[in-house]
Amino acid sequence: MRVFVVDEDSQTAAEIEAALGKSGYSVTVGSDRTATLGYDVVFLGVRGDEGSAACREIRRVSDVPIIVLSARDDRAERVRGLRAGADDYLVKPLCMDELEARMEAVLRRTRGGKTDVLQAGDIQIDARRYLVWRDGRNVPLTPKEFALLRRLVQTPGEVVTKQTLLLENWKDLSRSAARTLDVHIAHLRAKLGEPNVVETVRGVGYRLLP
């Protein structure tokens, strides 16, 4: 998930970058309001009554979701900004938990209610952005480790056979491929940390403990 923050208030921008970065999001702080290509959401800091004009400026080049951050709690300005293209408004000072929750809600709405996030227990996977969190901690994985975990998360508590994992990921049922699978599973367990949630079912395969 790529987040773009534009705010002349450098302290606010740094706080957003730190908070969302800790949650595993990729955050860029910039100054060009129209440099939104490739981002999933934009936080737009505004001063005075410039919110609606700034939203129109972005809307001319992008349909990216916009969350306006304003120092003024002005109802009329909020209405103008929303009509100009903003998806939500937040008034400073900001609560970072609420900011993240509002961002997630905006993304659900703008994606038509669809979500690419899978969850099993304290593990969350953003299948679209290849991000993994455990208990709120970002877990960097290789593409193969990510594919294995995603397969296990899709059916928590159920055994996924070694044969299934080998065919889906290597198209190879040889002993050497099986050993490679075991190594990847070991690396995956180490990265996820304790307590272990990837259980070996001897002679059959693996399952994710619910």
C-alpha atoms as a PDB file:
ATOM      1  CA  MET A   1       0.000   0.000   0.000  1.00  0.00           C
ATOM      2  CA  ARG A   2       1.550   3.297  -1.132  1.00  0.00           C
ATOM      3  CA  VAL A   3       0.616   6.490   0.708  1.00  0.00           C
ATOM      4  CA  PHE A   4       1.475  10.029  -0.388  1.00  0.00           C
ATOM      5  CA  VAL A   5       1.525  12.839   2.192  1.00  0.00           C
ATOM      6  CA  VAL A   6       1.506  16.502   1.155  1.00  0.00           C
ATOM      7  CA  ASP A   7       1.551  18.897   4.096  1.00  0.00           C
ATOM      8  CA  GLU A   8       3.477  22.108   4.688  1.00  0.00           C
ATOM      9  CA  ASP A   9       3.404  21.191   8.380  1.00  0.00           C
ATOM     10  CA  SER A  10       6.531  19.018   8.431  1.00  0.00           C
ATOM     11  CA  GLN A  11       5.833  17.752  11.936  1.00  0.00           C
ATOM     12  CA  THR A  12       2.407  16.417  10.956  1.00  0.00           C
ATOM     13  CA  ALA A  13       3.856  14.816   7.819  1.00  0.00           C
ATOM     14  CA  ALA A  14       6.607  13.147   9.861  1.00  0.00           C
ATOM     15  CA  GLU A  15       4.088  11.834  12.410  1.00  0.00           C
ATOM     16  CA  ILE A  16       1.949  10.292   9.650  1.00  0.00           C
ATOM     17  CA  GLU A  17       5.004   8.799   7.974  1.00  0.00           C
ATOM     18  CA  ALA A  18       6.151   7.219  11.249  1.00  0.00           C
ATOM     19  CA  ALA A  19       2.730   5.897  12.267  1.00  0.00           C
ATOM     20  CA  LEU A  20       1.759   4.386   8.927  1.00  0.00           C
ATOM     21  CA  GLY A  21       5.289   3.151   8.291  1.00  0.00           C
ATOM     22  CA  LYS A  22       5.139   1.254  11.588  1.00  0.00           C
ATOM     23  CA  SER A  23       1.947  -0.421  10.335  1.00  0.00           C
ATOM     24  CA  GLY A  24       3.730  -1.590   7.202  1.00  0.00           C
ATOM     25  CA  TYR A  25       2.612   1.025   4.694  1.00  0.00           C
ATOM     26  CA  SER A  26       4.997   2.594   2.204  1.00  0.00           C
ATOM     27  CA  VAL A  27       4.815   6.346   2.860  1.00  0.00           C
ATOM     28  CA  THR A  28       6.231   9.161   0.735  1.00  0.00           C
ATOM     29  CA  VAL A  29       6.256  12.776   1.896  1.00  0.00           C
ATOM     30  CA  GLY A  30       6.312  15.325  -0.928  1.00  0.00           C
ATOM     31  CA  SER A  31       5.309  18.827  -1.926  1.00  0.00           C
ATOM     32  CA  ASP A  32       3.841  18.411  -5.428  1.00  0.00           C
ATOM     33  CA  ARG A  33       0.099  17.878  -5.078  1.00  0.00           C
ATOM     34  CA  THR A  34      -0.227  16.498  -8.578  1.00  0.00           C
ATOM     35  CA  ALA A  35       2.543  13.847  -8.218  1.00  0.00           C
ATOM     36  CA  THR A  36       0.046  11.161  -7.240  1.00  0.00           C
ATOM     37  CA  LEU A  37       0.665   8.544  -9.950  1.00  0.00           C
ATOM     38  CA  GLY A  38       1.071   5.074  -8.490  1.00  0.00           C
ATOM     39  CA  TYR A  39      -0.227   5.914  -5.017  1.00  0.00           C
ATOM     40  CA  ASP A  40      -3.246   4.316  -3.324  1.00  0.00           C
ATOM     41  CA  VAL A  41      -4.246   7.253  -1.136  1.00  0.00           C
ATOM     42  CA  VAL A  42      -3.216  10.891  -0.605  1.00  0.00           C
ATOM     43  CA  PHE A  43      -3.219  12.853   2.648  1.00  0.00           C
ATOM     44  CA  LEU A  44      -3.507  16.520   1.745  1.00  0.00           C
ATOM     45  CA  GLY A  45      -2.673  19.131   4.356  1.00  0.00           C
ATOM     46  CA  VAL A  46      -4.339  22.468   3.709  1.00  0.00           C
ATOM     47  CA  ARG A  47      -4.358  25.908   5.243  1.00  0.00           C
ATOM     48  CA  GLY A  48      -7.258  28.292   5.424  1.00  0.00           C
ATOM     49  CA  ASP A  49      -9.918  27.745   2.777  1.00  0.00           C
ATOM     50  CA  GLU A  50      -7.676  26.233   0.084  1.00  0.00           C
ATOM     51  CA  GLY A  51      -8.987  22.661   0.514  1.00  0.00           C
ATOM     52  CA  SER A  52     -11.501  22.676  -2.343  1.00  0.00           C
ATOM     53  CA  ALA A  53      -9.039  24.270  -4.783  1.00  0.00           C
ATOM     54  CA  ALA A  54      -6.355  21.744  -3.858  1.00  0.00           C
ATOM     55  CA  CYS A  55      -8.756  18.831  -4.374  1.00  0.00           C
ATOM     56  CA  ARG A  56      -9.762  20.093  -7.812  1.00  0.00           C
ATOM     57  CA  GLU A  57      -6.088  20.414  -8.696  1.00  0.00           C
ATOM     58  CA  ILE A  58      -5.488  16.749  -7.873  1.00  0.00           C
ATOM     59  CA  ARG A  59      -8.728  15.593  -9.494  1.00  0.00           C
ATOM     60  CA  ARG A  60      -7.613  17.074 -12.807  1.00  0.00           C
ATOM     61  CA  VAL A  61      -4.835  14.467 -12.996  1.00  0.00           C
ATOM     62  CA  SER A  62      -5.909  11.550 -10.779  1.00  0.00           C
ATOM     63  CA  ASP A  63      -8.816   9.689  -9.182  1.00  0.00           C
ATOM     64  CA  VAL A  64      -6.721   8.643  -6.175  1.00  0.00           C
ATOM     65  CA  PRO A  65      -8.608   8.783  -2.834  1.00  0.00           C
ATOM     66  CA  ILE A  66      -7.953  12.096  -1.032  1.00  0.00           C
ATOM     67  CA  ILE A  67      -8.111  12.663   2.714  1.00  0.00           C
ATOM     68  CA  VAL A  68      -7.841  16.335   3.596  1.00  0.00           C
ATOM     69  CA  LEU A  69      -6.082  17.396   6.799  1.00  0.00           C
ATOM     70  CA  SER A  70      -7.184  20.814   7.990  1.00  0.00           C
ATOM     71  CA  ALA A  71      -6.333  22.971  10.982  1.00  0.00           C
ATOM     72  CA  ARG A  72      -9.807  24.519  10.808  1.00  0.00           C
ATOM     73  CA  ASP A  73     -13.040  22.816  11.788  1.00  0.00           C
ATOM     74  CA  ASP A  74     -15.112  24.716   9.236  1.00  0.00           C
ATOM     75  CA  ARG A  75     -18.272  22.930   8.086  1.00  0.00           C
ATOM     76  CA  ALA A  76     -18.749  25.038   4.954  1.00  0.00           C
ATOM     77  CA  GLU A  77     -15.173  24.408   3.844  1.00  0.00           C
ATOM     78  CA  ARG A  78     -15.559  20.673   4.464  1.00  0.00           C
ATOM     79  CA  VAL A  79     -18.642  20.594   2.264  1.00  0.00           C
ATOM     80  CA  ARG A  80     -16.869  22.507  -0.517  1.00  0.00           C
ATOM     81  CA  GLY A  81     -13.863  20.201  -0.292  1.00  0.00           C
ATOM     82  CA  LEU A  82     -15.952  17.024  -0.426  1.00  0.00           C
ATOM     83  CA  ARG A  83     -17.860  18.354  -3.420  1.00  0.00           C
ATOM     84  CA  ALA A  84     -14.538  19.225  -5.091  1.00  0.00           C
ATOM     85  CA  GLY A  85     -13.311  15.640  -4.818  1.00  0.00           C
ATOM     86  CA  ALA A  86     -12.113  14.915  -1.276  1.00  0.00           C
ATOM     87  CA  ASP A  87     -13.118  11.508   0.101  1.00  0.00           C
ATOM     88  CA  ASP A  88     -12.785  12.448   3.766  1.00  0.00           C
ATOM     89  CA  TYR A  89     -11.759  15.316   6.064  1.00  0.00           C
ATOM     90  CA  LEU A  90      -9.770  15.176   9.293  1.00  0.00           C
ATOM     91  CA  VAL A  91      -9.223  18.139  11.622  1.00  0.00           C
ATOM     92  CA  LYS A  92      -5.893  18.653  13.390  1.00  0.00           C
ATOM     93  CA  PRO A  93      -4.556  17.742  15.884  1.00  0.00           C
ATOM     94  CA  LEU A  94      -4.677  14.211  14.535  1.00  0.00           C
ATOM     95  CA  CYS A  95      -5.167  10.900  16.303  1.00  0.00           C
ATOM     96  CA  MET A  96      -3.035   8.424  14.335  1.00  0.00           C
ATOM     97  CA  ASP A  97      -5.263   5.439  15.141  1.00  0.00           C
ATOM     98  CA  GLU A  98      -8.279   7.288  13.783  1.00  0.00           C
ATOM     99  CA  LEU A  99      -6.318   8.492  10.762  1.00  0.00           C
ATOM    100  CA  GLU A 100      -5.366   4.918   9.852  1.00  0.00           C
ATOM    101  CA  ALA A 101      -8.910   3.668  10.423  1.00  0.00           C
ATOM    102  CA  ARG A 102     -10.350   6.481   8.268  1.00  0.00           C
ATOM    103  CA  MET A 103      -7.852   5.657   5.524  1.00  0.00           C
ATOM    104  CA  GLU A 104      -8.859   1.989   5.564  1.00  0.00           C
ATOM    105  CA  ALA A 105     -12.543   2.943   5.433  1.00  0.00           C
ATOM    106  CA  VAL A 106     -11.967   5.271   2.473  1.00  0.00           C
ATOM    107  CA  LEU A 107     -10.106   2.534   0.621  1.00  0.00           C
ATOM    108  CA  ARG A 108     -12.935   0.061   1.228  1.00  0.00           C
ATOM    109  CA  ARG A 109     -15.457   2.535  -0.143  1.00  0.00           C
ATOM    110  CA  THR A 110     -13.422   3.533  -3.189  1.00  0.00           C
ATOM    111  CA  ARG A 111     -12.743  -0.105  -4.051  1.00  0.00           C
ATOM    112  CA  GLY A 112     -16.453  -0.819  -4.068  1.00  0.00           C
ATOM    113  CA  GLY A 113     -16.381  -2.738  -0.804  1.00  0.00           C
ATOM    114  CA  LYS A 114     -13.799  -5.207  -2.078  1.00  0.00           C
ATOM    115  CA  THR A 115     -10.799  -5.999   0.058  1.00  0.00           C
ATOM    116  CA  ASP A 116      -7.481  -7.617  -0.705  1.00  0.00           C
ATOM    117  CA  VAL A 117      -6.698  -8.231   2.960  1.00  0.00           C
ATOM    118  CA  LEU A 118      -6.759 -11.778   4.291  1.00  0.00           C
ATOM    119  CA  GLN A 119      -6.684 -12.448   8.014  1.00  0.00           C
ATOM    120  CA  ALA A 120      -6.200 -15.503  10.201  1.00  0.00           C
ATOM    121  CA  GLY A 121      -5.663 -14.954  13.920  1.00  0.00           C
ATOM    122  CA  ASP A 122      -3.122 -12.173  14.378  1.00  0.00           C
ATOM    123  CA  ILE A 123      -1.793 -12.502  10.816  1.00  0.00           C
ATOM    124  CA  GLN A 124      -2.930 -10.102   8.104  1.00  0.00           C
ATOM    125  CA  ILE A 125      -1.981 -10.266   4.426  1.00  0.00           C
ATOM    126  CA  ASP A 126      -2.496  -7.532   1.848  1.00  0.00           C
ATOM    127  CA  ALA A 127      -2.566  -9.758  -1.217  1.00  0.00           C
ATOM    128  CA  ARG A 128      -2.524  -6.798  -3.606  1.00  0.00           C
ATOM    129  CA  ARG A 129       0.521  -5.067  -2.137  1.00  0.00           C
ATOM    130  CA  TYR A 130       2.416  -8.130  -0.886  1.00  0.00           C
ATOM    131  CA  LEU A 131       2.452  -6.916   2.714  1.00  0.00           C
ATOM    132  CA  VAL A 132       2.236  -9.091   5.818  1.00  0.00           C
ATOM    133  CA  TRP A 133       1.655  -8.103   9.438  1.00  0.00           C
ATOM    134  CA  ARG A 134       1.666 -10.177  12.586  1.00  0.00           C
ATOM    135  CA  ASP A 135       0.125  -8.621  15.664  1.00  0.00           C
ATOM    136  CA  GLY A 136       0.579  -5.226  13.971  1.00  0.00           C
ATOM    137  CA  ARG A 137       4.254  -5.858  13.123  1.00  0.00           C
ATOM    138  CA  ASN A 138       5.320  -5.748   9.487  1.00  0.00           C
ATOM    139  CA  VAL A 139       6.892  -9.050   8.369  1.00  0.00           C
ATOM    140  CA  PRO A 140       9.071  -8.781   5.220  1.00  0.00           C
ATOM    141  CA  LEU A 141       8.849 -11.982   3.160  1.00  0.00           C
ATOM    142  CA  THR A 142      10.310 -13.228  -0.096  1.00  0.00           C
ATOM    143  CA  PRO A 143       7.800 -13.797  -2.943  1.00  0.00           C
ATOM    144  CA  LYS A 144       7.866 -17.566  -2.390  1.00  0.00           C
ATOM    145  CA  GLU A 145       7.406 -17.247   1.376  1.00  0.00           C
ATOM    146  CA  PHE A 146       4.534 -14.853   0.745  1.00  0.00           C
ATOM    147  CA  ALA A 147       2.859 -17.318  -1.640  1.00  0.00           C
ATOM    148  CA  LEU A 148       3.151 -20.158   0.872  1.00  0.00           C
ATOM    149  CA  LEU A 149       1.732 -18.093   3.730  1.00  0.00           C
ATOM    150  CA  ARG A 150      -1.117 -16.764   1.616  1.00  0.00           C
ATOM    151  CA  ARG A 151      -2.075 -20.346   0.693  1.00  0.00           C
ATOM    152  CA  LEU A 152      -2.122 -21.397   4.354  1.00  0.00           C
ATOM    153  CA  VAL A 153      -4.043 -18.293   5.472  1.00  0.00           C
ATOM    154  CA  GLN A 154      -6.772 -19.023   2.931  1.00  0.00           C
ATOM    155  CA  THR A 155      -7.709 -22.202   4.838  1.00  0.00           C
ATOM    156  CA  PRO A 156      -6.707 -21.715   8.506  1.00  0.00           C
ATOM    157  CA  GLY A 157      -6.858 -24.912  10.536  1.00  0.00           C
ATOM    158  CA  GLU A 158      -6.952 -27.109   7.440  1.00  0.00           C
ATOM    159  CA  VAL A 159      -4.014 -29.175   6.204  1.00  0.00           C
ATOM    160  CA  VAL A 160      -2.502 -28.126   2.878  1.00  0.00           C
ATOM    161  CA  THR A 161      -0.587 -31.068   1.476  1.00  0.00           C
ATOM    162  CA  LYS A 162       3.041 -30.865   0.464  1.00  0.00           C
ATOM    163  CA  GLN A 163       2.010 -32.057  -2.976  1.00  0.00           C
ATOM    164  CA  THR A 164      -0.361 -29.096  -3.356  1.00  0.00           C
ATOM    165  CA  LEU A 165       2.267 -26.576  -2.245  1.00  0.00           C
ATOM    166  CA  LEU A 166       4.927 -28.103  -4.488  1.00  0.00           C
ATOM    167  CA  LEU A 167       2.718 -28.144  -7.581  1.00  0.00           C
ATOM    168  CA  GLU A 168       1.403 -24.617  -7.009  1.00  0.00           C
ATOM    169  CA  ASN A 169       4.809 -23.070  -6.337  1.00  0.00           C
ATOM    170  CA  TRP A 170       7.426 -25.212  -8.070  1.00  0.00           C
ATOM    171  CA  LYS A 171       5.479 -27.561 -10.378  1.00  0.00           C
ATOM    172  CA  ASP A 172       7.889 -30.198  -9.152  1.00  0.00           C
ATOM    173  CA  LEU A 173       7.326 -33.203  -6.871  1.00  0.00           C
ATOM    174  CA  SER A 174      10.962 -34.287  -6.623  1.00  0.00           C
ATOM    175  CA  ARG A 175      12.772 -34.840  -3.325  1.00  0.00           C
ATOM    176  CA  SER A 176      14.955 -31.816  -3.933  1.00  0.00           C
ATOM    177  CA  ALA A 177      11.850 -29.642  -4.404  1.00  0.00           C
ATOM    178  CA  ALA A 178      10.392 -31.077  -1.186  1.00  0.00           C
ATOM    179  CA  ARG A 179      13.573 -30.135   0.679  1.00  0.00           C
ATOM    180  CA  THR A 180      13.355 -26.621  -0.796  1.00  0.00           C
ATOM    181  CA  LEU A 181       9.775 -26.364   0.490  1.00  0.00           C
ATOM    182  CA  ASP A 182      10.898 -27.417   3.969  1.00  0.00           C
ATOM    183  CA  VAL A 183      13.586 -24.715   3.946  1.00  0.00           C
ATOM    184  CA  HIS A 184      11.103 -22.033   2.904  1.00  0.00           C
ATOM    185  CA  ILE A 185       8.683 -23.107   5.624  1.00  0.00           C
ATOM    186  CA  ALA A 186      11.503 -22.916   8.203  1.00  0.00           C
ATOM    187  CA  HIS A 187      12.379 -19.390   7.047  1.00  0.00           C
ATOM    188  CA  LEU A 188       8.698 -18.413   7.142  1.00  0.00           C
ATOM    189  CA  ARG A 189       8.357 -19.644  10.726  1.00  0.00           C
ATOM    190  CA  ALA A 190      11.465 -17.757  11.793  1.00  0.00           C
ATOM    191  CA  LYS A 191      10.190 -14.505  10.296  1.00  0.00           C
ATOM    192  CA  LEU A 192       6.713 -14.854  11.794  1.00  0.00           C
ATOM    193  CA  GLY A 193       8.240 -15.452  15.223  1.00  0.00           C
ATOM    194  CA  GLU A 194       6.763 -17.023  18.322  1.00  0.00           C
ATOM    195  CA  PRO A 195       4.401 -18.570  19.013  1.00  0.00           C
ATOM    196  CA  ASN A 196       4.727 -20.837  15.992  1.00  0.00           C
ATOM    197  CA  VAL A 197       1.534 -20.952  13.926  1.00  0.00           C
ATOM    198  CA  VAL A 198       2.716 -23.084  10.988  1.00  0.00           C
ATOM    199  CA  GLU A 199       2.257 -26.682  12.103  1.00  0.00           C
ATOM    200  CA  THR A 200       3.825 -29.671  10.375  1.00  0.00           C
ATOM    201  CA  VAL A 201       1.450 -32.584   9.882  1.00  0.00           C
ATOM    202  CA  ARG A 202       3.958 -35.382   9.500  1.00  0.00           C
ATOM    203  CA  GLY A 203       3.775 -37.202   6.208  1.00  0.00           C
ATOM    204  CA  VAL A 204       1.003 -34.954   4.903  1.00  0.00           C
ATOM    205  CA  GLY A 205       1.789 -31.244   4.830  1.00  0.00           C
ATOM    206  CA  TYR A 206       1.276 -28.041   6.823  1.00  0.00           C
ATOM    207  CA  ARG A 207      -1.520 -26.056   8.372  1.00  0.00           C
ATOM    208  CA  LEU A 208      -1.911 -22.630   9.879  1.00  0.00           C
ATOM    209  CA  LEU A 209      -3.101 -22.842  13.461  1.00  0.00           C
ATOM    210  CA  PRO A 210      -6.286 -20.737  13.829  1.00  0.00           C
END
